[in-house]
Amino acid sequence: DVLLIVVIGGMGTVYGSVIGAVLFVVAQSYLQDL
């Protein structure tokens, strides 16, 4: 999961961890409901 989030957000950018974590965790948590 951590590897996926780094790639999604953008490697070498601290800001990428913020956006990647939000996108991945929200998708992981609510995708089943959708």
PDB file of all heavy atoms in Angstrom:
ATOM      1  N   ASP A   1       0.838  -1.213   0.000  1.00  0.00           N
ATOM      2  CA  ASP A   1       0.000   0.000   0.000  1.00  0.00           C
ATOM      3  C   ASP A   1       0.862   1.247   0.000  1.00  0.00           C
ATOM      4  O   ASP A   1       0.574   2.217  -0.719  1.00  0.00           O
ATOM      5  CB  ASP A   1      -0.925   0.007   1.219  1.00  0.00           C
ATOM      6  CG  ASP A   1      -2.011  -1.060   1.133  1.00  0.00           C
ATOM      7  OD1 ASP A   1      -2.197  -1.626   0.042  1.00  0.00           O
ATOM      8  OD2 ASP A   1      -2.658  -1.323   2.166  1.00  0.00           O
ATOM      9  N   VAL A   2       1.922   1.238   0.799  1.00  0.00           N
ATOM     10  CA  VAL A   2       2.818   2.395   0.875  1.00  0.00           C
ATOM     11  C   VAL A   2       3.480   2.652  -0.478  1.00  0.00           C
ATOM     12  O   VAL A   2       3.573   3.797  -0.942  1.00  0.00           O
ATOM     13  CB  VAL A   2       3.879   2.181   1.970  1.00  0.00           C
ATOM     14  CG1 VAL A   2       4.958   3.263   1.909  1.00  0.00           C
ATOM     15  CG2 VAL A   2       3.230   2.189   3.347  1.00  0.00           C
ATOM     16  N   LEU A   3       3.928   1.583  -1.137  1.00  0.00           N
ATOM     17  CA  LEU A   3       4.533   1.732  -2.460  1.00  0.00           C
ATOM     18  C   LEU A   3       3.541   2.322  -3.457  1.00  0.00           C
ATOM     19  O   LEU A   3       3.884   3.219  -4.245  1.00  0.00           O
ATOM     20  CB  LEU A   3       5.021   0.372  -2.955  1.00  0.00           C
ATOM     21  CG  LEU A   3       6.370  -0.115  -2.429  1.00  0.00           C
ATOM     22  CD1 LEU A   3       6.583  -1.579  -2.789  1.00  0.00           C
ATOM     23  CD2 LEU A   3       7.505   0.731  -2.981  1.00  0.00           C
ATOM     24  N   LEU A   4       2.317   1.838  -3.424  1.00  0.00           N
ATOM     25  CA  LEU A   4       1.288   2.353  -4.332  1.00  0.00           C
ATOM     26  C   LEU A   4       1.021   3.833  -4.077  1.00  0.00           C
ATOM     27  O   LEU A   4       0.902   4.622  -5.024  1.00  0.00           O
ATOM     28  CB  LEU A   4      -0.006   1.557  -4.157  1.00  0.00           C
ATOM     29  CG  LEU A   4       0.001   0.096  -4.617  1.00  0.00           C
ATOM     30  CD1 LEU A   4      -1.327  -0.554  -4.308  1.00  0.00           C
ATOM     31  CD2 LEU A   4       0.317  -0.009  -6.097  1.00  0.00           C
ATOM     32  N   ILE A   5       0.933   4.197  -2.811  1.00  0.00           N
ATOM     33  CA  ILE A   5       0.631   5.594  -2.473  1.00  0.00           C
ATOM     34  C   ILE A   5       1.754   6.524  -2.918  1.00  0.00           C
ATOM     35  O   ILE A   5       1.502   7.624  -3.432  1.00  0.00           O
ATOM     36  CB  ILE A   5       0.381   5.735  -0.955  1.00  0.00           C
ATOM     37  CG1 ILE A   5      -0.891   4.971  -0.560  1.00  0.00           C
ATOM     38  CG2 ILE A   5       0.241   7.200  -0.556  1.00  0.00           C
ATOM     39  CD1 ILE A   5      -1.099   4.865   0.933  1.00  0.00           C
ATOM     40  N   VAL A   6       2.997   6.080  -2.745  1.00  0.00           N
ATOM     41  CA  VAL A   6       4.136   6.898  -3.177  1.00  0.00           C
ATOM     42  C   VAL A   6       4.079   7.143  -4.680  1.00  0.00           C
ATOM     43  O   VAL A   6       4.290   8.261  -5.159  1.00  0.00           O
ATOM     44  CB  VAL A   6       5.466   6.219  -2.788  1.00  0.00           C
ATOM     45  CG1 VAL A   6       6.637   6.886  -3.501  1.00  0.00           C
ATOM     46  CG2 VAL A   6       5.686   6.295  -1.290  1.00  0.00           C
ATOM     47  N   VAL A   7       3.780   6.084  -5.442  1.00  0.00           N
ATOM     48  CA  VAL A   7       3.716   6.210  -6.903  1.00  0.00           C
ATOM     49  C   VAL A   7       2.539   7.088  -7.317  1.00  0.00           C
ATOM     50  O   VAL A   7       2.663   7.934  -8.209  1.00  0.00           O
ATOM     51  CB  VAL A   7       3.609   4.814  -7.556  1.00  0.00           C
ATOM     52  CG1 VAL A   7       3.386   4.948  -9.057  1.00  0.00           C
ATOM     53  CG2 VAL A   7       4.876   4.013  -7.274  1.00  0.00           C
ATOM     54  N   ILE A   8       1.388   6.893  -6.683  1.00  0.00           N
ATOM     55  CA  ILE A   8       0.205   7.682  -7.031  1.00  0.00           C
ATOM     56  C   ILE A   8       0.423   9.164  -6.729  1.00  0.00           C
ATOM     57  O   ILE A   8       0.121  10.034  -7.545  1.00  0.00           O
ATOM     58  CB  ILE A   8      -1.032   7.166  -6.266  1.00  0.00           C
ATOM     59  CG1 ILE A   8      -1.430   5.781  -6.772  1.00  0.00           C
ATOM     60  CG2 ILE A   8      -2.210   8.133  -6.414  1.00  0.00           C
ATOM     61  CD1 ILE A   8      -2.481   5.104  -5.923  1.00  0.00           C
ATOM     62  N   GLY A   9       0.953   9.456  -5.550  1.00  0.00           N
ATOM     63  CA  GLY A   9       1.145  10.849  -5.155  1.00  0.00           C
ATOM     64  C   GLY A   9       2.278  11.533  -5.891  1.00  0.00           C
ATOM     65  O   GLY A   9       2.188  12.707  -6.255  1.00  0.00           O
ATOM     66  N   GLY A  10       3.347  10.787  -6.123  1.00  0.00           N
ATOM     67  CA  GLY A  10       4.519  11.362  -6.787  1.00  0.00           C
ATOM     68  C   GLY A  10       5.762  11.187  -5.947  1.00  0.00           C
ATOM     69  O   GLY A  10       5.824  11.704  -4.830  1.00  0.00           O
ATOM     70  N   MET A  11       6.739  10.455  -6.464  1.00  0.00           N
ATOM     71  CA  MET A  11       7.976  10.210  -5.721  1.00  0.00           C
ATOM     72  C   MET A  11       8.820  11.475  -5.646  1.00  0.00           C
ATOM     73  O   MET A  11       8.838  12.281  -6.574  1.00  0.00           O
ATOM     74  CB  MET A  11       8.770   9.082  -6.370  1.00  0.00           C
ATOM     75  CG  MET A  11       8.142   7.709  -6.213  1.00  0.00           C
ATOM     76  SD  MET A  11       9.231   6.376  -6.767  1.00  0.00           S
ATOM     77  CE  MET A  11       9.238   6.683  -8.532  1.00  0.00           C
ATOM     78  N   GLY A  12       9.513  11.622  -4.530  1.00  0.00           N
ATOM     79  CA  GLY A  12      10.385  12.772  -4.364  1.00  0.00           C
ATOM     80  C   GLY A  12       9.634  14.054  -4.091  1.00  0.00           C
ATOM     81  O   GLY A  12      10.157  15.146  -4.324  1.00  0.00           O
ATOM     82  N   THR A  13       8.415  13.941  -3.590  1.00  0.00           N
ATOM     83  CA  THR A  13       7.620  15.114  -3.213  1.00  0.00           C
ATOM     84  C   THR A  13       6.899  14.786  -1.910  1.00  0.00           C
ATOM     85  O   THR A  13       6.093  13.862  -1.878  1.00  0.00           O
ATOM     86  CB  THR A  13       6.578  15.473  -4.282  1.00  0.00           C
ATOM     87  OG1 THR A  13       5.654  14.395  -4.411  1.00  0.00           O
ATOM     88  CG2 THR A  13       7.228  15.719  -5.632  1.00  0.00           C
ATOM     89  N   VAL A  14       7.186  15.508  -0.874  1.00  0.00           N
ATOM     90  CA  VAL A  14       6.503  15.274   0.397  1.00  0.00           C
ATOM     91  C   VAL A  14       5.006  15.480   0.242  1.00  0.00           C
ATOM     92  O   VAL A  14       4.191  14.771   0.846  1.00  0.00           O
ATOM     93  CB  VAL A  14       7.067  16.207   1.492  1.00  0.00           C
ATOM     94  CG1 VAL A  14       6.278  16.069   2.789  1.00  0.00           C
ATOM     95  CG2 VAL A  14       8.536  15.884   1.749  1.00  0.00           C
ATOM     96  N   TYR A  15       4.631  16.435  -0.609  1.00  0.00           N
ATOM     97  CA  TYR A  15       3.205  16.699  -0.836  1.00  0.00           C
ATOM     98  C   TYR A  15       2.507  15.491  -1.466  1.00  0.00           C
ATOM     99  O   TYR A  15       1.308  15.287  -1.288  1.00  0.00           O
ATOM    100  CB  TYR A  15       3.026  17.917  -1.736  1.00  0.00           C
ATOM    101  CG  TYR A  15       3.569  19.198  -1.147  1.00  0.00           C
ATOM    102  CD1 TYR A  15       4.495  19.978  -1.841  1.00  0.00           C
ATOM    103  CD2 TYR A  15       3.164  19.628   0.108  1.00  0.00           C
ATOM    104  CE1 TYR A  15       4.995  21.157  -1.301  1.00  0.00           C
ATOM    105  CE2 TYR A  15       3.655  20.804   0.655  1.00  0.00           C
ATOM    106  CZ  TYR A  15       4.573  21.559  -0.047  1.00  0.00           C
ATOM    107  OH  TYR A  15       5.062  22.721   0.500  1.00  0.00           O
ATOM    108  N   GLY A  16       3.258  14.703  -2.216  1.00  0.00           N
ATOM    109  CA  GLY A  16       2.673  13.528  -2.839  1.00  0.00           C
ATOM    110  C   GLY A  16       2.153  12.528  -1.828  1.00  0.00           C
ATOM    111  O   GLY A  16       1.171  11.827  -2.080  1.00  0.00           O
ATOM    112  N   SER A  17       2.803  12.467  -0.668  1.00  0.00           N
ATOM    113  CA  SER A  17       2.345  11.538   0.367  1.00  0.00           C
ATOM    114  C   SER A  17       0.976  11.948   0.895  1.00  0.00           C
ATOM    115  O   SER A  17       0.156  11.090   1.248  1.00  0.00           O
ATOM    116  CB  SER A  17       3.354  11.499   1.523  1.00  0.00           C
ATOM    117  OG  SER A  17       3.445  12.763   2.168  1.00  0.00           O
ATOM    118  N   VAL A  18       0.723  13.254   0.930  1.00  0.00           N
ATOM    119  CA  VAL A  18      -0.571  13.747   1.419  1.00  0.00           C
ATOM    120  C   VAL A  18      -1.682  13.378   0.437  1.00  0.00           C
ATOM    121  O   VAL A  18      -2.690  12.764   0.800  1.00  0.00           O
ATOM    122  CB  VAL A  18      -0.532  15.273   1.617  1.00  0.00           C
ATOM    123  CG1 VAL A  18      -1.890  15.784   2.070  1.00  0.00           C
ATOM    124  CG2 VAL A  18       0.546  15.654   2.626  1.00  0.00           C
ATOM    125  N   ILE A  19      -1.487  13.745  -0.830  1.00  0.00           N
ATOM    126  CA  ILE A  19      -2.513  13.489  -1.839  1.00  0.00           C
ATOM    127  C   ILE A  19      -2.681  11.990  -2.084  1.00  0.00           C
ATOM    128  O   ILE A  19      -3.798  11.474  -2.180  1.00  0.00           O
ATOM    129  CB  ILE A  19      -2.163  14.221  -3.142  1.00  0.00           C
ATOM    130  CG1 ILE A  19      -2.244  15.733  -2.911  1.00  0.00           C
ATOM    131  CG2 ILE A  19      -3.084  13.807  -4.281  1.00  0.00           C
ATOM    132  CD1 ILE A  19      -1.899  16.568  -4.108  1.00  0.00           C
ATOM    133  N   GLY A  20      -1.564  11.267  -2.174  1.00  0.00           N
ATOM    134  CA  GLY A  20      -1.632   9.831  -2.398  1.00  0.00           C
ATOM    135  C   GLY A  20      -2.333   9.100  -1.275  1.00  0.00           C
ATOM    136  O   GLY A  20      -3.152   8.204  -1.519  1.00  0.00           O
ATOM    137  N   ALA A  21      -2.037   9.477  -0.030  1.00  0.00           N
ATOM    138  CA  ALA A  21      -2.667   8.823   1.120  1.00  0.00           C
ATOM    139  C   ALA A  21      -4.169   9.071   1.132  1.00  0.00           C
ATOM    140  O   ALA A  21      -4.964   8.157   1.393  1.00  0.00           O
ATOM    141  CB  ALA A  21      -2.040   9.321   2.418  1.00  0.00           C
ATOM    142  N   VAL A  22      -4.578  10.300   0.840  1.00  0.00           N
ATOM    143  CA  VAL A  22      -6.010  10.625   0.815  1.00  0.00           C
ATOM    144  C   VAL A  22      -6.721   9.817  -0.265  1.00  0.00           C
ATOM    145  O   VAL A  22      -7.747   9.166  -0.017  1.00  0.00           O
ATOM    146  CB  VAL A  22      -6.230  12.128   0.589  1.00  0.00           C
ATOM    147  CG1 VAL A  22      -7.706  12.423   0.335  1.00  0.00           C
ATOM    148  CG2 VAL A  22      -5.743  12.923   1.793  1.00  0.00           C
ATOM    149  N   LEU A  23      -6.169   9.823  -1.487  1.00  0.00           N
ATOM    150  CA  LEU A  23      -6.806   9.110  -2.597  1.00  0.00           C
ATOM    151  C   LEU A  23      -6.897   7.618  -2.325  1.00  0.00           C
ATOM    152  O   LEU A  23      -7.949   6.992  -2.520  1.00  0.00           O
ATOM    153  CB  LEU A  23      -6.031   9.357  -3.889  1.00  0.00           C
ATOM    154  CG  LEU A  23      -6.094  10.767  -4.479  1.00  0.00           C
ATOM    155  CD1 LEU A  23      -5.190  10.878  -5.691  1.00  0.00           C
ATOM    156  CD2 LEU A  23      -7.527  11.120  -4.864  1.00  0.00           C
ATOM    157  N   PHE A  24      -5.800   7.037  -1.875  1.00  0.00           N
ATOM    158  CA  PHE A  24      -5.761   5.583  -1.694  1.00  0.00           C
ATOM    159  C   PHE A  24      -6.624   5.123  -0.530  1.00  0.00           C
ATOM    160  O   PHE A  24      -7.408   4.178  -0.662  1.00  0.00           O
ATOM    161  CB  PHE A  24      -4.311   5.122  -1.485  1.00  0.00           C
ATOM    162  CG  PHE A  24      -4.168   3.624  -1.415  1.00  0.00           C
ATOM    163  CD1 PHE A  24      -4.045   2.880  -2.569  1.00  0.00           C
ATOM    164  CD2 PHE A  24      -4.165   2.971  -0.198  1.00  0.00           C
ATOM    165  CE1 PHE A  24      -3.931   1.501  -2.514  1.00  0.00           C
ATOM    166  CE2 PHE A  24      -4.049   1.598  -0.128  1.00  0.00           C
ATOM    167  CZ  PHE A  24      -3.924   0.858  -1.293  1.00  0.00           C
ATOM    168  N   VAL A  25      -6.487   5.767   0.614  1.00  0.00           N
ATOM    169  CA  VAL A  25      -7.231   5.335   1.800  1.00  0.00           C
ATOM    170  C   VAL A  25      -8.731   5.522   1.607  1.00  0.00           C
ATOM    171  O   VAL A  25      -9.530   4.651   1.974  1.00  0.00           O
ATOM    172  CB  VAL A  25      -6.740   6.088   3.055  1.00  0.00           C
ATOM    173  CG1 VAL A  25      -7.626   5.760   4.253  1.00  0.00           C
ATOM    174  CG2 VAL A  25      -5.297   5.711   3.370  1.00  0.00           C
ATOM    175  N   VAL A  26      -9.128   6.643   1.009  1.00  0.00           N
ATOM    176  CA  VAL A  26     -10.552   6.875   0.763  1.00  0.00           C
ATOM    177  C   VAL A  26     -11.100   5.854  -0.232  1.00  0.00           C
ATOM    178  O   VAL A  26     -12.180   5.288  -0.040  1.00  0.00           O
ATOM    179  CB  VAL A  26     -10.787   8.310   0.250  1.00  0.00           C
ATOM    180  CG1 VAL A  26     -12.222   8.488  -0.232  1.00  0.00           C
ATOM    181  CG2 VAL A  26     -10.486   9.316   1.359  1.00  0.00           C
ATOM    182  N   ALA A  27     -10.329   5.580  -1.305  1.00  0.00           N
ATOM    183  CA  ALA A  27     -10.765   4.580  -2.285  1.00  0.00           C
ATOM    184  C   ALA A  27     -10.848   3.202  -1.642  1.00  0.00           C
ATOM    185  O   ALA A  27     -11.810   2.458  -1.854  1.00  0.00           O
ATOM    186  CB  ALA A  27      -9.803   4.560  -3.466  1.00  0.00           C
ATOM    187  N   GLN A  28      -9.850   2.868  -0.863  1.00  0.00           N
ATOM    188  CA  GLN A  28      -9.822   1.563  -0.195  1.00  0.00           C
ATOM    189  C   GLN A  28     -10.980   1.403   0.782  1.00  0.00           C
ATOM    190  O   GLN A  28     -11.529   0.308   0.941  1.00  0.00           O
ATOM    191  CB  GLN A  28      -8.485   1.398   0.538  1.00  0.00           C
ATOM    192  CG  GLN A  28      -8.234   0.019   1.109  1.00  0.00           C
ATOM    193  CD  GLN A  28      -6.927  -0.037   1.870  1.00  0.00           C
ATOM    194  OE1 GLN A  28      -6.680   0.767   2.769  1.00  0.00           O
ATOM    195  NE2 GLN A  28      -6.069  -0.961   1.504  1.00  0.00           N
ATOM    196  N   SER A  29     -11.381   2.477   1.418  1.00  0.00           N
ATOM    197  CA  SER A  29     -12.414   2.422   2.449  1.00  0.00           C
ATOM    198  C   SER A  29     -13.831   2.486   1.893  1.00  0.00           C
ATOM    199  O   SER A  29     -14.751   1.898   2.472  1.00  0.00           O
ATOM    200  CB  SER A  29     -12.216   3.570   3.449  1.00  0.00           C
ATOM    201  OG  SER A  29     -10.936   3.510   4.043  1.00  0.00           O
ATOM    202  N   TYR A  30     -14.009   3.205   0.780  1.00  0.00           N
ATOM    203  CA  TYR A  30     -15.370   3.439   0.293  1.00  0.00           C
ATOM    204  C   TYR A  30     -15.666   2.827  -1.069  1.00  0.00           C
ATOM    205  O   TYR A  30     -16.797   2.917  -1.555  1.00  0.00           O
ATOM    206  CB  TYR A  30     -15.640   4.944   0.240  1.00  0.00           C
ATOM    207  CG  TYR A  30     -15.730   5.571   1.600  1.00  0.00           C
ATOM    208  CD1 TYR A  30     -14.690   6.346   2.103  1.00  0.00           C
ATOM    209  CD2 TYR A  30     -16.851   5.374   2.402  1.00  0.00           C
ATOM    210  CE1 TYR A  30     -14.770   6.913   3.373  1.00  0.00           C
ATOM    211  CE2 TYR A  30     -16.941   5.937   3.664  1.00  0.00           C
ATOM    212  CZ  TYR A  30     -15.897   6.708   4.139  1.00  0.00           C
ATOM    213  OH  TYR A  30     -15.986   7.261   5.391  1.00  0.00           O
ATOM    214  N   LEU A  31     -14.663   2.203  -1.701  1.00  0.00           N
ATOM    215  CA  LEU A  31     -14.888   1.612  -3.018  1.00  0.00           C
ATOM    216  C   LEU A  31     -15.934   0.500  -2.953  1.00  0.00           C
ATOM    217  O   LEU A  31     -16.791   0.377  -3.840  1.00  0.00           O
ATOM    218  CB  LEU A  31     -13.578   1.077  -3.590  1.00  0.00           C
ATOM    219  CG  LEU A  31     -13.616   0.637  -5.058  1.00  0.00           C
ATOM    220  CD1 LEU A  31     -14.085   1.774  -5.947  1.00  0.00           C
ATOM    221  CD2 LEU A  31     -12.235   0.152  -5.502  1.00  0.00           C
ATOM    222  N   GLN A  32     -15.893  -0.312  -1.908  1.00  0.00           N
ATOM    223  CA  GLN A  32     -16.886  -1.373  -1.762  1.00  0.00           C
ATOM    224  C   GLN A  32     -18.300  -0.806  -1.643  1.00  0.00           C
ATOM    225  O   GLN A  32     -19.252  -1.360  -2.214  1.00  0.00           O
ATOM    226  CB  GLN A  32     -16.565  -2.228  -0.535  1.00  0.00           C
ATOM    227  CG  GLN A  32     -15.519  -3.307  -0.797  1.00  0.00           C
ATOM    228  CD  GLN A  32     -15.326  -4.216   0.402  1.00  0.00           C
ATOM    229  OE1 GLN A  32     -14.903  -3.776   1.468  1.00  0.00           O
ATOM    230  NE2 GLN A  32     -15.638  -5.481   0.234  1.00  0.00           N
ATOM    231  N   ASP A  33     -18.443   0.292  -0.900  1.00  0.00           N
ATOM    232  CA  ASP A  33     -19.761   0.909  -0.759  1.00  0.00           C
ATOM    233  C   ASP A  33     -20.272   1.434  -2.098  1.00  0.00           C
ATOM    234  O   ASP A  33     -21.456   1.277  -2.431  1.00  0.00           O
ATOM    235  CB  ASP A  33     -19.699   2.059   0.257  1.00  0.00           C
ATOM    236  CG  ASP A  33     -19.352   1.566   1.655  1.00  0.00           C
ATOM    237  OD1 ASP A  33     -19.644   0.391   1.950  1.00  0.00           O
ATOM    238  OD2 ASP A  33     -18.805   2.356   2.447  1.00  0.00           O
ATOM    239  N   LEU A  34     -19.382   2.054  -2.879  1.00  0.00           N
ATOM    240  CA  LEU A  34     -19.780   2.561  -4.198  1.00  0.00           C
ATOM    241  C   LEU A  34     -20.152   1.424  -5.138  1.00  0.00           C
ATOM    242  O   LEU A  34     -21.134   1.506  -5.891  1.00  0.00           O
ATOM    243  CB  LEU A  34     -18.637   3.390  -4.797  1.00  0.00           C
ATOM    244  CG  LEU A  34     -18.327   4.724  -4.116  1.00  0.00           C
ATOM    245  CD1 LEU A  34     -17.101   5.363  -4.738  1.00  0.00           C
ATOM    246  CD2 LEU A  34     -19.529   5.667  -4.212  1.00  0.00           C
TER     247      LEU A  34
END
